[in-house]
C-alpha atoms as a PDB file:
ATOM      1  CA  MET A   1      34.904 -12.089  -9.539  1.00  0.00           C
ATOM      2  CA  LYS A   2      32.873 -10.139 -11.602  1.00  0.00           C
ATOM      3  CA  ARG A   3      33.849  -5.841 -11.265  1.00  0.00           C
ATOM      4  CA  ILE A   4      30.555  -4.067 -10.841  1.00  0.00           C
ATOM      5  CA  HIS A   5      30.358  -1.256 -12.760  1.00  0.00           C
ATOM      6  CA  ILE A   6      27.700   1.552 -11.414  1.00  0.00           C
ATOM      7  CA  THR A   7      27.847   5.290 -11.161  1.00  0.00           C
ATOM      8  CA  LEU A   8      26.241   8.168  -8.601  1.00  0.00           C
ATOM      9  CA  ALA A   9      24.407   9.087 -11.354  1.00  0.00           C
ATOM     10  CA  GLN A  10      22.526   6.129 -11.451  1.00  0.00           C
ATOM     11  CA  ILE A  11      21.800   5.751  -7.675  1.00  0.00           C
ATOM     12  CA  GLN A  12      20.316   8.893  -7.735  1.00  0.00           C
ATOM     13  CA  ALA A  13      17.981   8.660 -10.873  1.00  0.00           C
ATOM     14  CA  PHE A  14      16.873   5.188  -9.175  1.00  0.00           C
ATOM     15  CA  ALA A  15      16.448   6.515  -5.240  1.00  0.00           C
ATOM     16  CA  THR A  16      14.612   9.853  -6.543  1.00  0.00           C
ATOM     17  CA  VAL A  17      12.423   7.507  -8.539  1.00  0.00           C
ATOM     18  CA  ALA A  18      11.618   5.145  -6.050  1.00  0.00           C
ATOM     19  CA  GLU A  19      10.847   8.018  -3.444  1.00  0.00           C
ATOM     20  CA  MET A  20       8.537   9.805  -5.744  1.00  0.00           C
ATOM     21  CA  ARG A  21       7.139   6.782  -7.052  1.00  0.00           C
ATOM     22  CA  SER A  22       6.896   8.529 -10.540  1.00  0.00           C
ATOM     23  CA  PHE A  23       9.965   9.253 -13.646  1.00  0.00           C
ATOM     24  CA  THR A  24       8.079  12.352 -14.440  1.00  0.00           C
ATOM     25  CA  ILE A  25       8.331  13.751 -11.028  1.00  0.00           C
ATOM     26  CA  ALA A  26      12.279  12.389 -10.778  1.00  0.00           C
ATOM     27  CA  SER A  27      13.193  14.152 -13.961  1.00  0.00           C
ATOM     28  CA  GLU A  28      11.826  16.997 -12.720  1.00  0.00           C
ATOM     29  CA  GLN A  29      13.389  16.708  -9.309  1.00  0.00           C
ATOM     30  CA  LEU A  30      16.796  16.058 -11.017  1.00  0.00           C
ATOM     31  CA  GLY A  31      16.922  18.388 -13.544  1.00  0.00           C
ATOM     32  CA  MET A  32      17.381  15.596 -16.343  1.00  0.00           C
ATOM     33  CA  THR A  33      14.685  14.499 -19.303  1.00  0.00           C
ATOM     34  CA  GLN A  34      12.646  11.267 -18.643  1.00  0.00           C
ATOM     35  CA  SER A  35      14.156   9.932 -21.013  1.00  0.00           C
ATOM     36  CA  ALA A  36      17.912   9.894 -19.169  1.00  0.00           C
ATOM     37  CA  VAL A  37      16.365   8.766 -16.237  1.00  0.00           C
ATOM     38  CA  SER A  38      14.662   5.647 -17.522  1.00  0.00           C
ATOM     39  CA  HIS A  39      18.134   5.248 -18.948  1.00  0.00           C
ATOM     40  CA  ALA A  40      20.546   5.788 -15.808  1.00  0.00           C
ATOM     41  CA  VAL A  41      17.615   3.422 -14.046  1.00  0.00           C
ATOM     42  CA  ALA A  42      17.579   0.480 -16.614  1.00  0.00           C
ATOM     43  CA  ALA A  43      21.615   0.716 -16.914  1.00  0.00           C
ATOM     44  CA  LEU A  44      21.654   0.220 -13.257  1.00  0.00           C
ATOM     45  CA  GLU A  45      19.187  -2.831 -13.372  1.00  0.00           C
ATOM     46  CA  LYS A  46      21.166  -4.297 -16.114  1.00  0.00           C
ATOM     47  CA  GLU A  47      24.453  -4.262 -14.559  1.00  0.00           C
ATOM     48  CA  LEU A  48      23.356  -5.856 -11.317  1.00  0.00           C
ATOM     49  CA  GLN A  49      21.043  -8.246 -13.219  1.00  0.00           C
ATOM     50  CA  VAL A  50      17.640  -7.465 -11.507  1.00  0.00           C
ATOM     51  CA  SER A  51      14.698  -5.526 -11.661  1.00  0.00           C
ATOM     52  CA  LEU A  52      14.433  -2.730  -9.125  1.00  0.00           C
ATOM     53  CA  LEU A  53      11.222  -1.139 -10.150  1.00  0.00           C
ATOM     54  CA  GLU A  54       8.205  -1.910 -11.866  1.00  0.00           C
ATOM     55  CA  ARG A  55       5.284   0.464 -13.458  1.00  0.00           C
ATOM     56  CA  ASP A  56       2.074  -0.158 -13.912  1.00  0.00           C
ATOM     57  CA  ARG A  57      -1.005   2.285 -14.462  1.00  0.00           C
ATOM     58  CA  THR A  58      -1.448   3.513 -11.070  1.00  0.00           C
ATOM     59  CA  GLY A  59       2.489   4.454 -10.917  1.00  0.00           C
ATOM     60  CA  VAL A  60       6.524   2.993 -10.105  1.00  0.00           C
ATOM     61  CA  PHE A  61       6.567   0.411  -7.360  1.00  0.00           C
ATOM     62  CA  LEU A  62       9.533  -1.436  -5.911  1.00  0.00           C
ATOM     63  CA  THR A  63      10.234  -4.961  -6.038  1.00  0.00           C
ATOM     64  CA  ASP A  64      11.505  -6.821  -3.240  1.00  0.00           C
ATOM     65  CA  ILE A  65      14.970  -6.464  -4.168  1.00  0.00           C
ATOM     66  CA  GLY A  66      14.416  -2.655  -4.918  1.00  0.00           C
ATOM     67  CA  GLN A  67      13.233  -2.066  -1.491  1.00  0.00           C
ATOM     68  CA  ARG A  68      16.485  -3.578   0.001  1.00  0.00           C
ATOM     69  CA  VAL A  69      18.832  -1.626  -2.529  1.00  0.00           C
ATOM     70  CA  LEU A  70      17.056   1.496  -1.899  1.00  0.00           C
ATOM     71  CA  LEU A  71      18.329   1.445   1.319  1.00  0.00           C
ATOM     72  CA  GLN A  72      21.804   1.213   0.819  1.00  0.00           C
ATOM     73  CA  ALA A  73      20.904   3.585  -2.165  1.00  0.00           C
ATOM     74  CA  GLN A  74      20.083   5.976   0.139  1.00  0.00           C
ATOM     75  CA  GLU A  75      22.816   5.551   2.433  1.00  0.00           C
ATOM     76  CA  MET A  76      25.238   6.093  -0.208  1.00  0.00           C
ATOM     77  CA  LEU A  77      23.662   9.256  -1.433  1.00  0.00           C
ATOM     78  CA  ALA A  78      23.726  10.253   2.538  1.00  0.00           C
ATOM     79  CA  CYS A  79      27.326   9.305   2.464  1.00  0.00           C
ATOM     80  CA  VAL A  80      28.219  12.198  -0.698  1.00  0.00           C
ATOM     81  CA  GLU A  81      26.089  14.448   0.794  1.00  0.00           C
ATOM     82  CA  HIS A  82      28.235  13.945   3.896  1.00  0.00           C
ATOM     83  CA  ILE A  83      31.465  14.393   2.369  1.00  0.00           C
ATOM     84  CA  HIS A  84      29.867  17.622  -0.050  1.00  0.00           C
ATOM     85  CA  GLN A  85      29.244  19.316   3.612  1.00  0.00           C
ATOM     86  CA  GLU A  86      32.690  18.177   5.480  1.00  0.00           C
ATOM     87  CA  THR A  87      34.400  19.662   2.681  1.00  0.00           C
ATOM     88  CA  SER A  88      32.378  22.787   2.105  1.00  0.00           C
ATOM     89  CA  ALA A  89      32.966  23.723   5.953  1.00  0.00           C
ATOM     90  CA  ALA A  90      36.385  22.989   5.348  1.00  0.00           C
ATOM     91  CA  VAL A  91      36.470  26.270   3.449  1.00  0.00           C
ATOM     92  CA  GLY A  92      34.471  28.168   5.361  1.00  0.00           C
ATOM     93  CA  LEU A  93      31.255  27.687   3.040  1.00  0.00           C
ATOM     94  CA  GLU A  94      28.134  26.598   5.094  1.00  0.00           C
ATOM     95  CA  ALA A  95      26.197  24.402   2.491  1.00  0.00           C
ATOM     96  CA  GLY A  96      24.055  20.965   2.050  1.00  0.00           C
ATOM     97  CA  LYS A  97      20.551  19.944   2.085  1.00  0.00           C
ATOM     98  CA  VAL A  98      18.140  19.052   4.947  1.00  0.00           C
ATOM     99  CA  ARG A  99      15.322  16.607   4.197  1.00  0.00           C
ATOM    100  CA  LEU A 100      13.073  17.261   6.844  1.00  0.00           C
ATOM    101  CA  GLY A 101       9.395  15.264   7.522  1.00  0.00           C
ATOM    102  CA  SER A 102       6.648  16.460   9.220  1.00  0.00           C
ATOM    103  CA  PHE A 103       2.783  16.111   9.389  1.00  0.00           C
ATOM    104  CA  PRO A 104       0.110  18.839   8.777  1.00  0.00           C
ATOM    105  CA  SER A 105      -0.687  20.323  11.785  1.00  0.00           C
ATOM    106  CA  VAL A 106       3.104  20.850  13.097  1.00  0.00           C
ATOM    107  CA  SER A 107       4.048  22.234   9.414  1.00  0.00           C
ATOM    108  CA  ALA A 108       1.224  24.554   9.861  1.00  0.00           C
ATOM    109  CA  GLN A 109       2.176  25.681  13.496  1.00  0.00           C
ATOM    110  CA  PHE A 110       5.643  25.353  14.590  1.00  0.00           C
ATOM    111  CA  LEU A 111       7.994  24.735  11.543  1.00  0.00           C
ATOM    112  CA  PRO A 112       7.319  28.297   9.687  1.00  0.00           C
ATOM    113  CA  LYS A 113       9.273  30.370  12.350  1.00  0.00           C
ATOM    114  CA  VAL A 114      11.840  27.433  12.693  1.00  0.00           C
ATOM    115  CA  LEU A 115      12.692  27.427   9.061  1.00  0.00           C
ATOM    116  CA  ARG A 116      12.457  30.938   8.621  1.00  0.00           C
ATOM    117  CA  GLN A 117      14.942  31.593  11.414  1.00  0.00           C
ATOM    118  CA  PHE A 118      17.329  28.764   9.904  1.00  0.00           C
ATOM    119  CA  ARG A 119      17.015  30.271   6.514  1.00  0.00           C
ATOM    120  CA  GLN A 120      18.334  33.696   7.531  1.00  0.00           C
ATOM    121  CA  ARG A 121      21.643  32.136   9.490  1.00  0.00           C
ATOM    122  CA  TYR A 122      22.430  29.556   7.021  1.00  0.00           C
ATOM    123  CA  PRO A 123      21.003  31.046   3.376  1.00  0.00           C
ATOM    124  CA  GLY A 124      23.139  28.277   1.808  1.00  0.00           C
ATOM    125  CA  ILE A 125      21.771  25.154   3.579  1.00  0.00           C
ATOM    126  CA  GLU A 126      18.329  24.471   1.823  1.00  0.00           C
ATOM    127  CA  VAL A 127      15.395  22.563   3.802  1.00  0.00           C
ATOM    128  CA  VAL A 128      13.167  20.525   1.760  1.00  0.00           C
ATOM    129  CA  LEU A 129       9.766  19.217   3.211  1.00  0.00           C
ATOM    130  CA  PHE A 130       8.093  16.260   2.823  1.00  0.00           C
ATOM    131  CA  GLU A 131       4.351  16.204   4.475  1.00  0.00           C
ATOM    132  CA  GLY A 132       2.563  13.021   5.369  1.00  0.00           C
ATOM    133  CA  THR A 133       1.148  11.362   8.390  1.00  0.00           C
ATOM    134  CA  ASP A 134       2.259  10.555  11.543  1.00  0.00           C
ATOM    135  CA  ASP A 135       3.131   6.742  10.050  1.00  0.00           C
ATOM    136  CA  GLU A 136       4.675   7.678   7.016  1.00  0.00           C
ATOM    137  CA  VAL A 137       7.162  10.218   8.860  1.00  0.00           C
ATOM    138  CA  ARG A 138       8.419   7.340  10.585  1.00  0.00           C
ATOM    139  CA  GLU A 139       8.777   5.170   7.843  1.00  0.00           C
ATOM    140  CA  TRP A 140      10.726   8.197   5.896  1.00  0.00           C
ATOM    141  CA  ILE A 141      13.260   8.587   8.967  1.00  0.00           C
ATOM    142  CA  HIS A 142      13.676   4.497   9.173  1.00  0.00           C
ATOM    143  CA  THR A 143      14.059   4.261   5.493  1.00  0.00           C
ATOM    144  CA  ARG A 144      16.355   7.266   5.184  1.00  0.00           C
ATOM    145  CA  ALA A 145      13.890   8.987   2.457  1.00  0.00           C
ATOM    146  CA  VAL A 146      13.991  12.061   5.022  1.00  0.00           C
ATOM    147  CA  ASP A 147      16.991  13.204   7.009  1.00  0.00           C
ATOM    148  CA  VAL A 148      15.212  14.390  10.111  1.00  0.00           C
ATOM    149  CA  GLY A 149      11.321  13.763  10.975  1.00  0.00           C
ATOM    150  CA  VAL A 150       9.081  15.069  13.706  1.00  0.00           C
ATOM    151  CA  VAL A 151       7.583  12.414  15.693  1.00  0.00           C
ATOM    152  CA  VAL A 152       5.269  11.997  18.898  1.00  0.00           C
ATOM    153  CA  LEU A 153       6.991  10.456  21.699  1.00  0.00           C
ATOM    154  CA  PRO A 154       7.292   7.804  23.059  1.00  0.00           C
ATOM    155  CA  ILE A 155       8.920   6.124  19.770  1.00  0.00           C
ATOM    156  CA  ASP A 156      11.203   2.919  19.826  1.00  0.00           C
ATOM    157  CA  GLU A 157      14.256   2.765  17.592  1.00  0.00           C
ATOM    158  CA  LEU A 158      15.166   6.263  16.893  1.00  0.00           C
ATOM    159  CA  GLU A 159      17.153   8.779  18.314  1.00  0.00           C
ATOM    160  CA  THR A 160      15.025  11.971  19.222  1.00  0.00           C
ATOM    161  CA  ILE A 161      15.170  15.652  20.925  1.00  0.00           C
ATOM    162  CA  PRO A 162      12.268  16.879  22.261  1.00  0.00           C
ATOM    163  CA  ILE A 163      11.232  19.941  21.003  1.00  0.00           C
ATOM    164  CA  THR A 164       7.719  21.102  22.030  1.00  0.00           C
ATOM    165  CA  LYS A 165       4.046  19.676  24.062  1.00  0.00           C
ATOM    166  CA  ASP A 166       0.916  20.180  22.097  1.00  0.00           C
ATOM    167  CA  GLU A 167      -2.166  20.208  24.438  1.00  0.00           C
ATOM    168  CA  PHE A 168      -5.046  17.865  23.501  1.00  0.00           C
ATOM    169  CA  LEU A 169      -8.181  20.374  23.722  1.00  0.00           C
ATOM    170  CA  VAL A 170     -11.921  18.988  23.160  1.00  0.00           C
ATOM    171  CA  VAL A 171     -13.781  20.729  20.467  1.00  0.00           C
ATOM    172  CA  THR A 172     -17.689  21.242  20.470  1.00  0.00           C
ATOM    173  CA  SER A 173     -19.830  23.474  18.628  1.00  0.00           C
ATOM    174  CA  LEU A 174     -20.888  26.483  20.265  1.00  0.00           C
ATOM    175  CA  GLN A 175     -24.442  25.366  21.204  1.00  0.00           C
ATOM    176  CA  HIS A 176     -23.089  21.738  22.462  1.00  0.00           C
ATOM    177  CA  PRO A 177     -24.504  21.021  26.176  1.00  0.00           C
ATOM    178  CA  LEU A 178     -21.132  20.804  27.181  1.00  0.00           C
ATOM    179  CA  ALA A 179     -20.140  24.254  25.205  1.00  0.00           C
ATOM    180  CA  GLN A 180     -20.638  26.089  29.181  1.00  0.00           C
ATOM    181  CA  HIS A 181     -17.463  24.094  30.620  1.00  0.00           C
ATOM    182  CA  SER A 182     -13.933  25.603  30.025  1.00  0.00           C
ATOM    183  CA  GLN A 183     -12.640  22.110  30.958  1.00  0.00           C
ATOM    184  CA  ILE A 184     -13.904  18.921  31.548  1.00  0.00           C
ATOM    185  CA  SER A 185     -13.245  14.688  32.070  1.00  0.00           C
ATOM    186  CA  ILE A 186     -12.758  12.336  29.727  1.00  0.00           C
ATOM    187  CA  ARG A 187     -15.619  10.603  31.843  1.00  0.00           C
ATOM    188  CA  GLN A 188     -17.881  13.427  30.853  1.00  0.00           C
ATOM    189  CA  LEU A 189     -16.813  13.554  27.627  1.00  0.00           C
ATOM    190  CA  ALA A 190     -17.597   9.995  27.124  1.00  0.00           C
ATOM    191  CA  GLN A 191     -21.175  10.640  27.287  1.00  0.00           C
ATOM    192  CA  GLU A 192     -21.788  12.272  24.441  1.00  0.00           C
ATOM    193  CA  PRO A 193     -21.464  11.227  20.605  1.00  0.00           C
ATOM    194  CA  PHE A 194     -17.765  11.518  19.475  1.00  0.00           C
ATOM    195  CA  ILE A 195     -16.376  11.936  16.363  1.00  0.00           C
ATOM    196  CA  MET A 196     -12.808  10.119  16.416  1.00  0.00           C
ATOM    197  CA  SER A 197      -9.866  11.313  14.159  1.00  0.00           C
ATOM    198  CA  LYS A 198      -8.338   8.688  12.226  1.00  0.00           C
ATOM    199  CA  ALA A 199      -5.116  10.474  12.090  1.00  0.00           C
ATOM    200  CA  GLY A 200      -1.970  10.050  13.480  1.00  0.00           C
ATOM    201  CA  CYS A 201      -3.416  11.095  16.896  1.00  0.00           C
ATOM    202  CA  LYS A 202      -6.363   8.284  17.441  1.00  0.00           C
ATOM    203  CA  PRO A 203      -3.822   5.739  19.324  1.00  0.00           C
ATOM    204  CA  LEU A 204      -3.674   8.500  21.664  1.00  0.00           C
ATOM    205  CA  ILE A 205      -6.938   9.337  22.016  1.00  0.00           C
ATOM    206  CA  THR A 206      -7.568   5.705  22.527  1.00  0.00           C
ATOM    207  CA  ALA A 207      -5.309   5.212  25.207  1.00  0.00           C
ATOM    208  CA  MET A 208      -6.909   8.440  27.223  1.00  0.00           C
ATOM    209  CA  PHE A 209     -10.499   6.376  27.216  1.00  0.00           C
ATOM    210  CA  ARG A 210      -8.786   2.980  27.656  1.00  0.00           C
ATOM    211  CA  LYS A 211      -6.890   4.666  30.720  1.00  0.00           C
ATOM    212  CA  ALA A 212     -10.433   5.956  31.787  1.00  0.00           C
ATOM    213  CA  LYS A 213     -11.818   2.080  31.576  1.00  0.00           C
ATOM    214  CA  ILE A 214     -14.525   3.891  29.480  1.00  0.00           C
ATOM    215  CA  THR A 215     -15.902   3.415  25.851  1.00  0.00           C
ATOM    216  CA  PRO A 216     -16.531   6.901  23.705  1.00  0.00           C
ATOM    217  CA  LYS A 217     -19.615   6.747  21.653  1.00  0.00           C
ATOM    218  CA  ILE A 218     -18.144   6.943  18.553  1.00  0.00           C
ATOM    219  CA  GLN A 219     -20.683   8.235  15.572  1.00  0.00           C
ATOM    220  CA  CYS A 220     -18.036   8.358  12.937  1.00  0.00           C
ATOM    221  CA  GLU A 221     -14.024   8.326  12.113  1.00  0.00           C
ATOM    222  CA  VAL A 222     -12.589  10.432  10.435  1.00  0.00           C
ATOM    223  CA  ILE A 223      -9.427  11.288   8.361  1.00  0.00           C
ATOM    224  CA  ASP A 224      -9.777  14.871   7.516  1.00  0.00           C
ATOM    225  CA  LEU A 225      -9.580  17.142   9.782  1.00  0.00           C
ATOM    226  CA  ARG A 226     -11.498  19.706   8.186  1.00  0.00           C
ATOM    227  CA  THR A 227     -14.188  17.460   7.966  1.00  0.00           C
ATOM    228  CA  ILE A 228     -14.437  16.958  11.365  1.00  0.00           C
ATOM    229  CA  PHE A 229     -14.362  20.410  12.352  1.00  0.00           C
ATOM    230  CA  VAL A 230     -17.650  20.980  10.191  1.00  0.00           C
ATOM    231  CA  MET A 231     -19.277  17.935  11.500  1.00  0.00           C
ATOM    232  CA  VAL A 232     -18.492  19.396  15.019  1.00  0.00           C
ATOM    233  CA  GLN A 233     -19.512  22.971  14.189  1.00  0.00           C
ATOM    234  CA  GLU A 234     -22.874  21.200  12.866  1.00  0.00           C
ATOM    235  CA  GLY A 235     -23.347  19.700  15.820  1.00  0.00           C
ATOM    236  CA  MET A 236     -23.213  15.989  14.965  1.00  0.00           C
ATOM    237  CA  GLY A 237     -20.730  15.375  18.137  1.00  0.00           C
ATOM    238  CA  ALA A 238     -17.686  16.384  20.196  1.00  0.00           C
ATOM    239  CA  THR A 239     -13.930  15.684  19.142  1.00  0.00           C
ATOM    240  CA  ILE A 240     -10.387  15.718  20.810  1.00  0.00           C
ATOM    241  CA  VAL A 241      -7.659  17.210  18.566  1.00  0.00           C
ATOM    242  CA  PRO A 242      -3.980  18.835  19.329  1.00  0.00           C
ATOM    243  CA  GLU A 243      -3.949  22.543  19.714  1.00  0.00           C
ATOM    244  CA  MET A 244      -1.977  22.901  17.096  1.00  0.00           C
ATOM    245  CA  ALA A 245      -4.216  20.983  14.498  1.00  0.00           C
ATOM    246  CA  LEU A 246      -7.023  23.598  15.151  1.00  0.00           C
ATOM    247  CA  PRO A 247      -8.176  25.280  12.107  1.00  0.00           C
ATOM    248  CA  SER A 248      -7.305  29.286  11.761  1.00  0.00           C
ATOM    249  CA  ASP A 249     -10.820  30.402  11.993  1.00  0.00           C
ATOM    250  CA  ARG A 250     -12.672  29.135  15.369  1.00  0.00           C
ATOM    251  CA  SER A 251     -15.165  30.987  15.548  1.00  0.00           C
ATOM    252  CA  GLN A 252     -17.743  29.173  15.350  1.00  0.00           C
ATOM    253  CA  LEU A 253     -15.970  26.285  17.749  1.00  0.00           C
ATOM    254  CA  HIS A 254     -15.833  25.706  21.187  1.00  0.00           C
ATOM    255  CA  MET A 255     -12.730  24.661  22.987  1.00  0.00           C
ATOM    256  CA  MET A 256     -11.608  22.946  26.494  1.00  0.00           C
ATOM    257  CA  SER A 257      -9.189  21.455  28.366  1.00  0.00           C
ATOM    258  CA  LEU A 258      -9.295  17.882  29.614  1.00  0.00           C
ATOM    259  CA  GLU A 259      -9.112  17.215  33.526  1.00  0.00           C
ATOM    260  CA  PRO A 260      -6.683  16.480  33.752  1.00  0.00           C
ATOM    261  CA  ARG A 261      -4.950  18.106  31.255  1.00  0.00           C
ATOM    262  CA  GLN A 262      -3.414  16.076  28.564  1.00  0.00           C
ATOM    263  CA  PHE A 263      -0.840  16.965  26.304  1.00  0.00           C
ATOM    264  CA  ARG A 264       1.438  14.857  22.816  1.00  0.00           C
ATOM    265  CA  GLN A 265       5.488  15.408  23.020  1.00  0.00           C
ATOM    266  CA  LEU A 266       6.746  16.358  19.673  1.00  0.00           C
ATOM    267  CA  ALA A 267      10.184  15.662  19.013  1.00  0.00           C
ATOM    268  CA  PHE A 268      12.594  15.435  16.120  1.00  0.00           C
ATOM    269  CA  ALA A 269      13.820  12.106  15.311  1.00  0.00           C
ATOM    270  CA  VAL A 270      17.068  10.686  13.548  1.00  0.00           C
ATOM    271  CA  PRO A 271      18.755   7.239  13.169  1.00  0.00           C
ATOM    272  CA  SER A 272      21.581   7.883  14.686  1.00  0.00           C
ATOM    273  CA  LEU A 273      22.568  11.512  16.505  1.00  0.00           C
ATOM    274  CA  PRO A 274      26.498  10.988  16.089  1.00  0.00           C
ATOM    275  CA  SER A 275      25.767  10.207  12.375  1.00  0.00           C
ATOM    276  CA  VAL A 276      23.729  13.035  10.974  1.00  0.00           C
ATOM    277  CA  THR A 277      25.264  15.360   8.240  1.00  0.00           C
ATOM    278  CA  PRO A 278      26.750  18.931   9.787  1.00  0.00           C
ATOM    279  CA  ALA A 279      23.819  20.925   8.068  1.00  0.00           C
ATOM    280  CA  VAL A 280      21.106  18.124   9.647  1.00  0.00           C
ATOM    281  CA  ALA A 281      23.576  19.130  13.300  1.00  0.00           C
ATOM    282  CA  LYS A 282      23.067  22.790  12.429  1.00  0.00           C
ATOM    283  CA  PHE A 283      19.465  22.518  11.783  1.00  0.00           C
ATOM    284  CA  LEU A 284      18.445  20.330  15.032  1.00  0.00           C
ATOM    285  CA  HIS A 285      20.730  22.749  16.794  1.00  0.00           C
ATOM    286  CA  GLU A 286      18.937  26.070  15.424  1.00  0.00           C
ATOM    287  CA  ALA A 287      15.488  24.175  15.653  1.00  0.00           C
ATOM    288  CA  THR A 288      15.445  23.607  19.357  1.00  0.00           C
ATOM    289  CA  LEU A 289      16.502  26.969  20.291  1.00  0.00           C
ATOM    290  CA  CYS A 290      13.256  28.334  18.601  1.00  0.00           C
END
């Protein structure tokens, strides 16, 4: 049986390029020249006798075998990080890295306090934040691109620790006919033009209408929340968003609770709680105390 000669540096280079989708960004992340990163990946492909990455004008992409190898590479690197953290703890040092995935509303409203307090308590542990959509964060957790991610419950195939609830609010302009109310029902809202968010909360919002057995009068579906709030402010319709997603300037907007009140339950999620690194375990413990 042929012995395979691969190095940890090659695995690290490949995984970083795959995660960043760029040799340039990967070289910056690793503190290496782009040529060195390319050489490491090429050497790994030559040793394995497969093509792991493909390049075109838009960026870098994983081949089919590259996708499968990436998962194993990330698990290998996680094991190395685990060894580093265990040995650091054995000699009285608090060190390591936590890769955290989150979506914008939670990153802006919930995480700053958590990250500040954790950094003060464990200055030797680096927390790297990756921000994406709800679907992207879930994918990152499954593929080990992040160590822990923020998700909306319920969710299958991941182990979770609930952290907080976030209320869904109806948002209108100050001149909207509904702006005289402080609380309204889904049925009342269904009579008005509605602007649907195509971000991660769309399934939850759709489920509210479905449960009430009514169909909203959707005027448009928009991904960017900033665009939604401008449309609402201009009187184009009402919308529903989580409270954490509200803009800092709400002076031209009217917010109302739903009757009955509706919430999304947020949680930290990992593939397996018993297998998290010491640094991640400390982060989860401290974060749930905030």
